C-alpha atoms as a PDB file:
ATOM      1  CA  MET A   1     108.796 -11.882-131.063  1.00  0.00           C
ATOM      2  CA  MET A   2     112.512 -11.729-131.766  1.00  0.00           C
ATOM      3  CA  ALA A   3     113.670 -10.800-128.242  1.00  0.00           C
ATOM      4  CA  ARG A   4     111.703 -13.168-126.022  1.00  0.00           C
ATOM      5  CA  TRP A   5     114.277 -13.609-123.262  1.00  0.00           C
ATOM      6  CA  HIS A   6     112.618 -10.607-121.612  1.00  0.00           C
ATOM      7  CA  GLU A   7     109.744 -12.954-120.791  1.00  0.00           C
ATOM      8  CA  SER A   8     111.833 -14.346-117.937  1.00  0.00           C
ATOM      9  CA  LEU A   9     111.071 -11.043-116.156  1.00  0.00           C
ATOM     10  CA  PHE A  10     107.308 -11.526-116.370  1.00  0.00           C
ATOM     11  CA  PRO A  11     106.761 -13.355-113.054  1.00  0.00           C
ATOM     12  CA  VAL A  12     108.559 -10.615-111.109  1.00  0.00           C
ATOM     13  CA  LEU A  13     106.796  -7.851-113.018  1.00  0.00           C
ATOM     14  CA  GLU A  14     103.463  -9.487-112.353  1.00  0.00           C
ATOM     15  CA  GLU A  15     104.230  -9.962-108.654  1.00  0.00           C
ATOM     16  CA  LEU A  16     105.254  -6.315-108.282  1.00  0.00           C
ATOM     17  CA  ASN A  17     102.380  -5.060-110.448  1.00  0.00           C
ATOM     18  CA  VAL A  18     104.794  -3.411-112.876  1.00  0.00           C
ATOM     19  CA  GLY A  19     104.062  -2.899-116.557  1.00  0.00           C
ATOM     20  CA  PHE A  20     106.387  -3.767-119.419  1.00  0.00           C
ATOM     21  CA  VAL A  21     106.909  -1.424-122.364  1.00  0.00           C
ATOM     22  CA  ALA A  22     107.870  -3.412-125.440  1.00  0.00           C
ATOM     23  CA  PHE A  23     110.208  -1.256-127.517  1.00  0.00           C
ATOM     24  CA  SER A  24     110.181  -1.820-131.274  1.00  0.00           C
ATOM     25  CA  PRO A  25     107.609  -4.629-131.214  1.00  0.00           C
ATOM     26  CA  MET A  26     107.892  -5.097-134.975  1.00  0.00           C
ATOM     27  CA  ALA A  27     111.704  -5.268-135.051  1.00  0.00           C
ATOM     28  CA  ASN A  28     112.005  -1.896-136.776  1.00  0.00           C
ATOM     29  CA  GLY A  29     109.520  -2.925-139.433  1.00  0.00           C
ATOM     30  CA  LEU A  30     110.810  -6.406-140.214  1.00  0.00           C
ATOM     31  CA  LEU A  31     107.747  -8.136-138.738  1.00  0.00           C
ATOM     32  CA  THR A  32     105.399  -6.038-140.870  1.00  0.00           C
ATOM     33  CA  GLY A  33     106.460  -8.092-143.877  1.00  0.00           C
ATOM     34  CA  ALA A  34     107.066  -4.887-145.832  1.00  0.00           C
ATOM     35  CA  TYR A  35     110.772  -5.528-146.358  1.00  0.00           C
ATOM     36  CA  GLY A  36     111.890  -8.401-148.501  1.00  0.00           C
ATOM     37  CA  LYS A  37     115.109 -10.053-149.431  1.00  0.00           C
ATOM     38  CA  GLY A  38     117.487  -7.652-151.073  1.00  0.00           C
ATOM     39  CA  GLU A  39     116.096  -4.619-149.253  1.00  0.00           C
ATOM     40  CA  GLN A  40     118.698  -1.872-149.213  1.00  0.00           C
ATOM     41  CA  PHE A  41     118.720   1.003-146.749  1.00  0.00           C
ATOM     42  CA  ASP A  42     120.871   4.049-147.355  1.00  0.00           C
ATOM     43  CA  PRO A  43     123.467   4.112-144.550  1.00  0.00           C
ATOM     44  CA  LYS A  44     123.496   7.913-144.645  1.00  0.00           C
ATOM     45  CA  LEU A  45     119.720   8.237-144.257  1.00  0.00           C
ATOM     46  CA  ASP A  46     118.354   5.116-142.613  1.00  0.00           C
ATOM     47  CA  TYR A  47     119.630   3.560-139.395  1.00  0.00           C
ATOM     48  CA  ARG A  48     118.164   0.179-140.426  1.00  0.00           C
ATOM     49  CA  SER A  49     121.153  -0.220-142.749  1.00  0.00           C
ATOM     50  CA  ALA A  50     123.224  -1.263-139.702  1.00  0.00           C
ATOM     51  CA  MET A  51     120.637  -3.481-137.994  1.00  0.00           C
ATOM     52  CA  PRO A  52     121.349  -7.206-137.917  1.00  0.00           C
ATOM     53  CA  GLN A  53     117.808  -8.216-138.913  1.00  0.00           C
ATOM     54  CA  PHE A  54     118.162  -6.392-142.232  1.00  0.00           C
ATOM     55  CA  THR A  55     121.505  -7.737-143.422  1.00  0.00           C
ATOM     56  CA  GLN A  56     121.557  -9.772-146.627  1.00  0.00           C
ATOM     57  CA  GLU A  57     123.100 -12.716-144.798  1.00  0.00           C
ATOM     58  CA  VAL A  58     120.059 -13.243-142.557  1.00  0.00           C
ATOM     59  CA  ALA A  59     117.193 -12.630-144.982  1.00  0.00           C
ATOM     60  CA  LYS A  60     116.644 -16.379-145.366  1.00  0.00           C
ATOM     61  CA  LYS A  61     117.029 -17.002-141.637  1.00  0.00           C
ATOM     62  CA  ASN A  62     113.955 -14.906-140.826  1.00  0.00           C
ATOM     63  CA  GLN A  63     111.817 -16.311-143.644  1.00  0.00           C
ATOM     64  CA  GLU A  64     110.032 -18.882-141.479  1.00  0.00           C
ATOM     65  CA  LEU A  65     109.055 -16.208-138.952  1.00  0.00           C
ATOM     66  CA  LEU A  66     107.672 -14.002-141.706  1.00  0.00           C
ATOM     67  CA  TYR A  67     105.737 -16.946-143.192  1.00  0.00           C
ATOM     68  CA  LEU A  68     104.240 -17.630-139.761  1.00  0.00           C
ATOM     69  CA  LEU A  69     103.035 -14.039-139.450  1.00  0.00           C
ATOM     70  CA  GLN A  70     101.693 -13.971-143.002  1.00  0.00           C
ATOM     71  CA  GLY A  71      99.792 -17.221-142.469  1.00  0.00           C
ATOM     72  CA  LEU A  72      98.244 -16.081-139.195  1.00  0.00           C
ATOM     73  CA  ALA A  73      97.382 -12.725-140.761  1.00  0.00           C
ATOM     74  CA  ALA A  74      95.591 -14.418-143.662  1.00  0.00           C
ATOM     75  CA  GLN A  75      93.592 -16.609-141.220  1.00  0.00           C
ATOM     76  CA  ARG A  76      92.521 -13.575-139.179  1.00  0.00           C
ATOM     77  CA  ASN A  77      91.970 -11.083-142.002  1.00  0.00           C
ATOM     78  CA  ALA A  78      94.707  -8.968-140.438  1.00  0.00           C
ATOM     79  CA  THR A  79      98.190  -7.795-141.331  1.00  0.00           C
ATOM     80  CA  PRO A  80     101.458  -9.320-140.097  1.00  0.00           C
ATOM     81  CA  ALA A  81     102.018  -6.156-138.047  1.00  0.00           C
ATOM     82  CA  GLN A  82      98.636  -6.564-136.368  1.00  0.00           C
ATOM     83  CA  ILE A  83      99.365 -10.211-135.562  1.00  0.00           C
ATOM     84  CA  SER A  84     102.711  -9.267-134.011  1.00  0.00           C
ATOM     85  CA  LEU A  85     101.104  -6.583-131.857  1.00  0.00           C
ATOM     86  CA  ALA A  86      98.065  -8.716-130.984  1.00  0.00           C
ATOM     87  CA  TRP A  87     100.331 -11.557-129.840  1.00  0.00           C
ATOM     88  CA  MET A  88     102.045  -9.145-127.466  1.00  0.00           C
ATOM     89  CA  LEU A  89      98.802  -7.594-126.230  1.00  0.00           C
ATOM     90  CA  CYS A  90      97.302 -11.039-125.569  1.00  0.00           C
ATOM     91  CA  LYS A  91     100.286 -12.357-123.597  1.00  0.00           C
ATOM     92  CA  LYS A  92      99.773 -10.164-120.539  1.00  0.00           C
ATOM     93  CA  PRO A  93      97.424  -7.233-119.924  1.00  0.00           C
ATOM     94  CA  TRP A  94     100.270  -5.098-118.584  1.00  0.00           C
ATOM     95  CA  ILE A  95     102.435  -5.299-121.712  1.00  0.00           C
ATOM     96  CA  VAL A  96     102.386  -2.092-123.728  1.00  0.00           C
ATOM     97  CA  PRO A  97     103.977  -2.317-127.180  1.00  0.00           C
ATOM     98  CA  ILE A  98     105.124   1.010-128.612  1.00  0.00           C
ATOM     99  CA  PRO A  99     105.256   0.705-132.392  1.00  0.00           C
ATOM    100  CA  GLY A 100     106.791   3.635-134.178  1.00  0.00           C
ATOM    101  CA  SER A 101     105.260   5.110-137.277  1.00  0.00           C
ATOM    102  CA  ARG A 102     105.443   8.185-139.426  1.00  0.00           C
ATOM    103  CA  LYS A 103     102.350   7.425-141.475  1.00  0.00           C
ATOM    104  CA  THR A 104      98.732   7.830-140.467  1.00  0.00           C
ATOM    105  CA  GLU A 105      97.681   4.624-142.234  1.00  0.00           C
ATOM    106  CA  ARG A 106     100.281   2.624-140.256  1.00  0.00           C
ATOM    107  CA  MET A 107      98.966   4.141-137.015  1.00  0.00           C
ATOM    108  CA  ARG A 108      95.436   3.038-137.952  1.00  0.00           C
ATOM    109  CA  GLU A 109      96.734  -0.408-138.859  1.00  0.00           C
ATOM    110  CA  ASN A 110      98.546  -0.677-135.526  1.00  0.00           C
ATOM    111  CA  ALA A 111      95.418   0.375-133.615  1.00  0.00           C
ATOM    112  CA  GLY A 112      93.528  -2.394-135.406  1.00  0.00           C
ATOM    113  CA  ALA A 113      95.673  -4.946-133.576  1.00  0.00           C
ATOM    114  CA  ALA A 114      93.460  -4.385-130.529  1.00  0.00           C
ATOM    115  CA  ASP A 115      90.616  -6.010-132.488  1.00  0.00           C
ATOM    116  CA  VAL A 116      92.658  -9.176-133.106  1.00  0.00           C
ATOM    117  CA  VAL A 117      92.094 -11.291-130.017  1.00  0.00           C
ATOM    118  CA  LEU A 118      94.136 -14.456-129.784  1.00  0.00           C
ATOM    119  CA  THR A 119      93.196 -17.249-127.396  1.00  0.00           C
ATOM    120  CA  ASN A 120      95.663 -18.502-124.783  1.00  0.00           C
ATOM    121  CA  GLU A 121      96.023 -21.651-126.885  1.00  0.00           C
ATOM    122  CA  GLU A 122      96.875 -19.613-129.975  1.00  0.00           C
ATOM    123  CA  VAL A 123      99.440 -17.542-128.051  1.00  0.00           C
ATOM    124  CA  ASP A 124     100.978 -20.754-126.675  1.00  0.00           C
ATOM    125  CA  ALA A 125     101.085 -22.272-130.173  1.00  0.00           C
ATOM    126  CA  ILE A 126     102.796 -19.155-131.537  1.00  0.00           C
ATOM    127  CA  ASP A 127     105.284 -19.276-128.644  1.00  0.00           C
ATOM    128  CA  GLN A 128     106.074 -22.930-129.371  1.00  0.00           C
ATOM    129  CA  THR A 129     106.656 -22.125-133.026  1.00  0.00           C
ATOM    130  CA  LEU A 130     108.847 -19.153-132.109  1.00  0.00           C
ATOM    131  CA  ASN A 131     110.870 -21.480-129.864  1.00  0.00           C
ATOM    132  CA  SER A 132     111.584 -23.815-132.754  1.00  0.00           C
ATOM    133  CA  ILE A 133     112.302 -21.608-135.766  1.00  0.00           C
ATOM    134  CA  PRO A 134     115.543 -19.844-136.656  1.00  0.00           C
ATOM    135  CA  MET A 135     115.766 -16.074-136.277  1.00  0.00           C
ATOM    136  CA  SER A 136     118.496 -13.528-136.700  1.00  0.00           C
ATOM    137  CA  ALA A 137     119.773 -11.200-134.061  1.00  0.00           C
ATOM    138  CA  VAL A 138     117.709  -8.050-133.763  1.00  0.00           C
ATOM    139  CA  PHE A 139     118.741  -4.453-133.098  1.00  0.00           C
ATOM    140  CA  GLY A 140     118.324  -3.614-129.431  1.00  0.00           C
ATOM    141  CA  GLY A 141     117.772  -7.243-128.684  1.00  0.00           C
ATOM    142  CA  THR A 142     121.122  -8.327-127.404  1.00  0.00           C
ATOM    143  CA  GLU A 143     120.510 -10.685-124.544  1.00  0.00           C
ATOM    144  CA  VAL A 144     121.942  -9.485-121.254  1.00  0.00           C
ATOM    145  CA  VAL A 145     124.469 -11.978-119.947  1.00  0.00           C
ATOM    146  CA  SER A 146     125.631 -11.546-116.388  1.00  0.00           C
ATOM    147  CA  ARG A 147     129.334 -11.431-115.700  1.00  0.00           C
ATOM    148  CA  GLU A 148     130.833 -12.517-112.470  1.00  0.00           C
ATOM    149  CA  THR A 149     132.924  -9.838-110.825  1.00  0.00           C
ATOM    150  CA  LYS A 150     136.344 -10.713-109.527  1.00  0.00           C
END
């Protein structure tokens, strides 16, 4: 949800019948809603301490995105993580999100996203909202900008 410029590849992927593996579909946990403002990660133990989506300066910037996920989750009796994964799964059948987890209960929660089926209209509405709300940069989500060679 925070690195959507990859969607420009979708027509070519579809034409060539190539799948897309979505790395870190929950922005290293941010989209789960588990981490709030003021969250501190130990720089010696947790790589999230250096990720742009977890800096104190951007906590407010991502608030609207988190509210969107929480609202959709409440409507669907799901979790924000399940909504994030379901959105991805419902966009194209050849998208495979790979959420990371160290806990069995999170793995079960993630698997439950397959039971959350969003309509094309709902996916489009989420996309339109994502197009209009502010979001921070995200680790691993730096847009590739082509450079002309001289």
